[in-house]
C-alpha atoms as a PDB file:
ATOM      1  CA  MET A   1     105.973 110.741  90.367  1.00  0.00           C
ATOM      2  CA  THR A   2     106.413 111.237  86.567  1.00  0.00           C
ATOM      3  CA  ALA A   3     104.014 110.331  83.697  1.00  0.00           C
ATOM      4  CA  PHE A   4     106.761 108.555  81.902  1.00  0.00           C
ATOM      5  CA  ALA A   5     107.549 104.915  81.983  1.00  0.00           C
ATOM      6  CA  ALA A   6     110.119 104.256  84.683  1.00  0.00           C
ATOM      7  CA  GLY A   7     111.220 100.945  83.355  1.00  0.00           C
ATOM      8  CA  GLN A   8     110.489  97.681  81.711  1.00  0.00           C
ATOM      9  CA  ILE A   9     110.467  93.937  82.639  1.00  0.00           C
ATOM     10  CA  MET A  10     111.729  91.436  80.071  1.00  0.00           C
ATOM     11  CA  CYS A  11     111.984  87.642  79.969  1.00  0.00           C
ATOM     12  CA  GLY A  12     115.589  86.527  79.920  1.00  0.00           C
ATOM     13  CA  SER A  13     118.005  83.655  79.869  1.00  0.00           C
ATOM     14  CA  GLU A  14     117.841  80.891  82.393  1.00  0.00           C
ATOM     15  CA  GLY A  15     114.397  81.789  83.484  1.00  0.00           C
ATOM     16  CA  ARG A  16     115.291  85.126  84.890  1.00  0.00           C
ATOM     17  CA  VAL A  17     112.969  88.195  84.757  1.00  0.00           C
ATOM     18  CA  TYR A  18     115.116  91.194  83.987  1.00  0.00           C
ATOM     19  CA  VAL A  19     113.950  94.600  85.300  1.00  0.00           C
ATOM     20  CA  ARG A  20     115.390  97.758  83.737  1.00  0.00           C
ATOM     21  CA  ILE A  21     114.794 100.838  85.850  1.00  0.00           C
ATOM     22  CA  TRP A  22     116.042 104.206  84.443  1.00  0.00           C
ATOM     23  CA  GLY A  23     118.740 102.298  82.360  1.00  0.00           C
ATOM     24  CA  GLU A  24     119.963 100.096  85.176  1.00  0.00           C
ATOM     25  CA  LEU A  25     119.596  96.322  84.766  1.00  0.00           C
ATOM     26  CA  HIS A  26     118.306  94.186  87.667  1.00  0.00           C
ATOM     27  CA  TYR A  27     116.858  90.696  87.774  1.00  0.00           C
ATOM     28  CA  VAL A  28     114.797  88.224  89.763  1.00  0.00           C
ATOM     29  CA  CYS A  29     115.902  84.617  89.926  1.00  0.00           C
ATOM     30  CA  PRO A  30     113.497  81.975  88.779  1.00  0.00           C
ATOM     31  CA  GLU A  31     113.607  80.088  92.043  1.00  0.00           C
ATOM     32  CA  GLU A  32     112.255  83.137  93.812  1.00  0.00           C
ATOM     33  CA  LEU A  33     109.315  83.634  91.474  1.00  0.00           C
ATOM     34  CA  GLY A  34     107.463  80.766  93.128  1.00  0.00           C
ATOM     35  CA  LEU A  35     108.042  82.336  96.589  1.00  0.00           C
ATOM     36  CA  LEU A  36     106.644  85.596  95.243  1.00  0.00           C
ATOM     37  CA  PHE A  37     103.611  84.269  93.621  1.00  0.00           C
ATOM     38  CA  PHE A  38     102.548  81.163  95.566  1.00  0.00           C
ATOM     39  CA  VAL A  39     103.704  82.022  98.981  1.00  0.00           C
ATOM     40  CA  GLY A  40     103.480  85.801  98.854  1.00  0.00           C
ATOM     41  CA  GLU A  41     106.966  86.396 100.241  1.00  0.00           C
ATOM     42  CA  ARG A  42     109.232  89.358  99.515  1.00  0.00           C
ATOM     43  CA  VAL A  43     112.051  88.338  97.092  1.00  0.00           C
ATOM     44  CA  SER A  44     115.314  89.948  96.326  1.00  0.00           C
ATOM     45  CA  LEU A  45     115.934  92.131  93.296  1.00  0.00           C
ATOM     46  CA  LEU A  46     119.535  91.451  92.282  1.00  0.00           C
ATOM     47  CA  LYS A  47     122.072  93.507  90.313  1.00  0.00           C
ATOM     48  CA  LYS A  48     125.429  92.282  88.928  1.00  0.00           C
ATOM     49  CA  GLY A  49     128.592  94.027  89.886  1.00  0.00           C
ATOM     50  CA  PRO A  50     130.693  95.989  87.387  1.00  0.00           C
ATOM     51  CA  ALA A  51     132.974  92.975  86.901  1.00  0.00           C
ATOM     52  CA  PRO A  52     131.487  89.833  85.331  1.00  0.00           C
ATOM     53  CA  GLN A  53     132.903  87.513  88.081  1.00  0.00           C
ATOM     54  CA  GLN A  54     131.522  89.600  90.983  1.00  0.00           C
ATOM     55  CA  VAL A  55     128.745  88.152  93.219  1.00  0.00           C
ATOM     56  CA  PRO A  56     125.410  89.665  92.476  1.00  0.00           C
ATOM     57  CA  GLN A  57     124.167  92.319  95.027  1.00  0.00           C
ATOM     58  CA  VAL A  58     120.729  92.904  96.512  1.00  0.00           C
ATOM     59  CA  SER A  59     119.503  96.175  95.051  1.00  0.00           C
ATOM     60  CA  GLY A  60     115.861  96.043  96.255  1.00  0.00           C
ATOM     61  CA  THR A  61     112.882  93.821  96.887  1.00  0.00           C
ATOM     62  CA  VAL A  62     109.830  92.680  94.819  1.00  0.00           C
ATOM     63  CA  TYR A  63     106.587  91.838  96.505  1.00  0.00           C
ATOM     64  CA  LEU A  64     102.828  91.619  95.949  1.00  0.00           C
ATOM     65  CA  SER A  65     100.543  94.478  96.876  1.00  0.00           C
ATOM     66  CA  PRO A  66      98.117  93.918  99.830  1.00  0.00           C
ATOM     67  CA  SER A  67      95.375  93.073  97.346  1.00  0.00           C
ATOM     68  CA  GLY A  68      97.583  90.683  95.417  1.00  0.00           C
ATOM     69  CA  ARG A  69      96.748  92.219  92.099  1.00  0.00           C
ATOM     70  CA  ALA A  70      99.908  94.217  91.489  1.00  0.00           C
ATOM     71  CA  VAL A  71     103.682  93.613  91.827  1.00  0.00           C
ATOM     72  CA  ILE A  72     105.619  96.265  93.626  1.00  0.00           C
ATOM     73  CA  ILE A  73     109.313  96.780  92.981  1.00  0.00           C
ATOM     74  CA  ALA A  74     111.077  98.733  95.728  1.00  0.00           C
ATOM     75  CA  ILE A  75     114.520 100.175  95.507  1.00  0.00           C
ATOM     76  CA  GLY A  76     115.315 102.393  98.437  1.00  0.00           C
ATOM     77  CA  ASN A  77     112.438 104.859  98.853  1.00  0.00           C
ATOM     78  CA  GLN A  78     111.304 104.539  95.287  1.00  0.00           C
ATOM     79  CA  ARG A  79     108.404 102.225  94.494  1.00  0.00           C
ATOM     80  CA  TYR A  80     107.325 101.004  91.008  1.00  0.00           C
ATOM     81  CA  MET A  81     104.086  99.069  90.274  1.00  0.00           C
ATOM     82  CA  LEU A  82     102.769  96.874  87.459  1.00  0.00           C
ATOM     83  CA  PRO A  83      99.738  94.472  87.150  1.00  0.00           C
ATOM     84  CA  ARG A  84     100.493  90.999  88.513  1.00  0.00           C
ATOM     85  CA  ASP A  85      99.031  89.458  85.392  1.00  0.00           C
ATOM     86  CA  LYS A  86     101.491  91.404  83.113  1.00  0.00           C
ATOM     87  CA  PHE A  87     104.451  90.417  85.338  1.00  0.00           C
ATOM     88  CA  LEU A  88     103.340  86.705  85.175  1.00  0.00           C
ATOM     89  CA  ALA A  89     102.892  86.880  81.393  1.00  0.00           C
ATOM     90  CA  VAL A  90     106.456  87.984  80.998  1.00  0.00           C
ATOM     91  CA  ALA A  91     107.893  85.599  83.576  1.00  0.00           C
ATOM     92  CA  LEU A  92     106.163  82.661  81.800  1.00  0.00           C
ATOM     93  CA  GLY A  93     107.290  83.761  78.377  1.00  0.00           C
ATOM     94  CA  GLU A  94     103.829  84.689  77.053  1.00  0.00           C
ATOM     95  CA  ASP A  95     104.829  88.266  76.545  1.00  0.00           C
ATOM     96  CA  VAL A  96     108.352  89.540  75.727  1.00  0.00           C
ATOM     97  CA  SER A  97     108.317  92.725  77.804  1.00  0.00           C
ATOM     98  CA  CYS A  98     106.072  95.151  79.754  1.00  0.00           C
ATOM     99  CA  ILE A  99     106.576  98.717  80.941  1.00  0.00           C
ATOM    100  CA  PHE A 100     105.826  99.910  84.434  1.00  0.00           C
ATOM    101  CA  PHE A 101     105.557 103.292  86.238  1.00  0.00           C
ATOM    102  CA  GLU A 102     106.493 104.810  89.566  1.00  0.00           C
ATOM    103  CA  ALA A 103     103.939 104.176  92.344  1.00  0.00           C
ATOM    104  CA  PRO A 104     102.482 107.205  94.189  1.00  0.00           C
ATOM    105  CA  GLY A 105     104.027 107.807  97.422  1.00  0.00           C
ATOM    106  CA  ASN A 106     102.537 108.396 100.771  1.00  0.00           C
ATOM    107  CA  GLU A 107     103.594 112.014 100.867  1.00  0.00           C
ATOM    108  CA  PRO A 108     101.015 114.446  99.307  1.00  0.00           C
ATOM    109  CA  GLU A 109     102.311 116.435  96.341  1.00  0.00           C
ATOM    110  CA  VAL A 110     102.476 120.105  97.423  1.00  0.00           C
ATOM    111  CA  GLU A 111     101.334 121.375  94.092  1.00  0.00           C
ATOM    112  CA  ILE A 112      97.974 119.535  94.402  1.00  0.00           C
ATOM    113  CA  ILE A 113      97.107 120.636  98.003  1.00  0.00           C
ATOM    114  CA  SER A 114      98.709 123.959  98.359  1.00  0.00           C
ATOM    115  CA  PRO A 115      96.268 126.784  98.709  1.00  0.00           C
ATOM    116  CA  ARG A 116      98.697 129.219  97.122  1.00  0.00           C
ATOM    117  CA  LYS A 117      98.707 127.210  93.897  1.00  0.00           C
ATOM    118  CA  GLY A 118      94.829 126.855  93.802  1.00  0.00           C
ATOM    119  CA  GLY A 119      94.951 123.259  94.816  1.00  0.00           C
ATOM    120  CA  ALA A 120      92.137 121.181  96.490  1.00  0.00           C
ATOM    121  CA  ALA A 121      92.828 122.736  99.851  1.00  0.00           C
ATOM    122  CA  SER A 122      91.972 126.319  98.777  1.00  0.00           C
END
């Protein structure tokens, strides 16, 4: 996990919510935003192919946290998190953009718990 912003979400054309992660541009379709916020389903995070005529590919998923207070963006093993209210503000056009960060993983960071490094387990 890094202390730097991993990406940004932006409102875009045709009601899409664009998600820029480490320079790669992804998006969520406006039809799926209702499923995400009102039904609580996982929705697809899409990415355009290199050619303009290519069919978009699913690159990850977007879903609400168990508490419903955060939006989690998952691509492979990597997770990113931002407040649900910030995501909604961008999706509804109230804010232009918002940054987000990597979510902490389930694996403990060795530097924190290693007795040799003077961590919490020492």
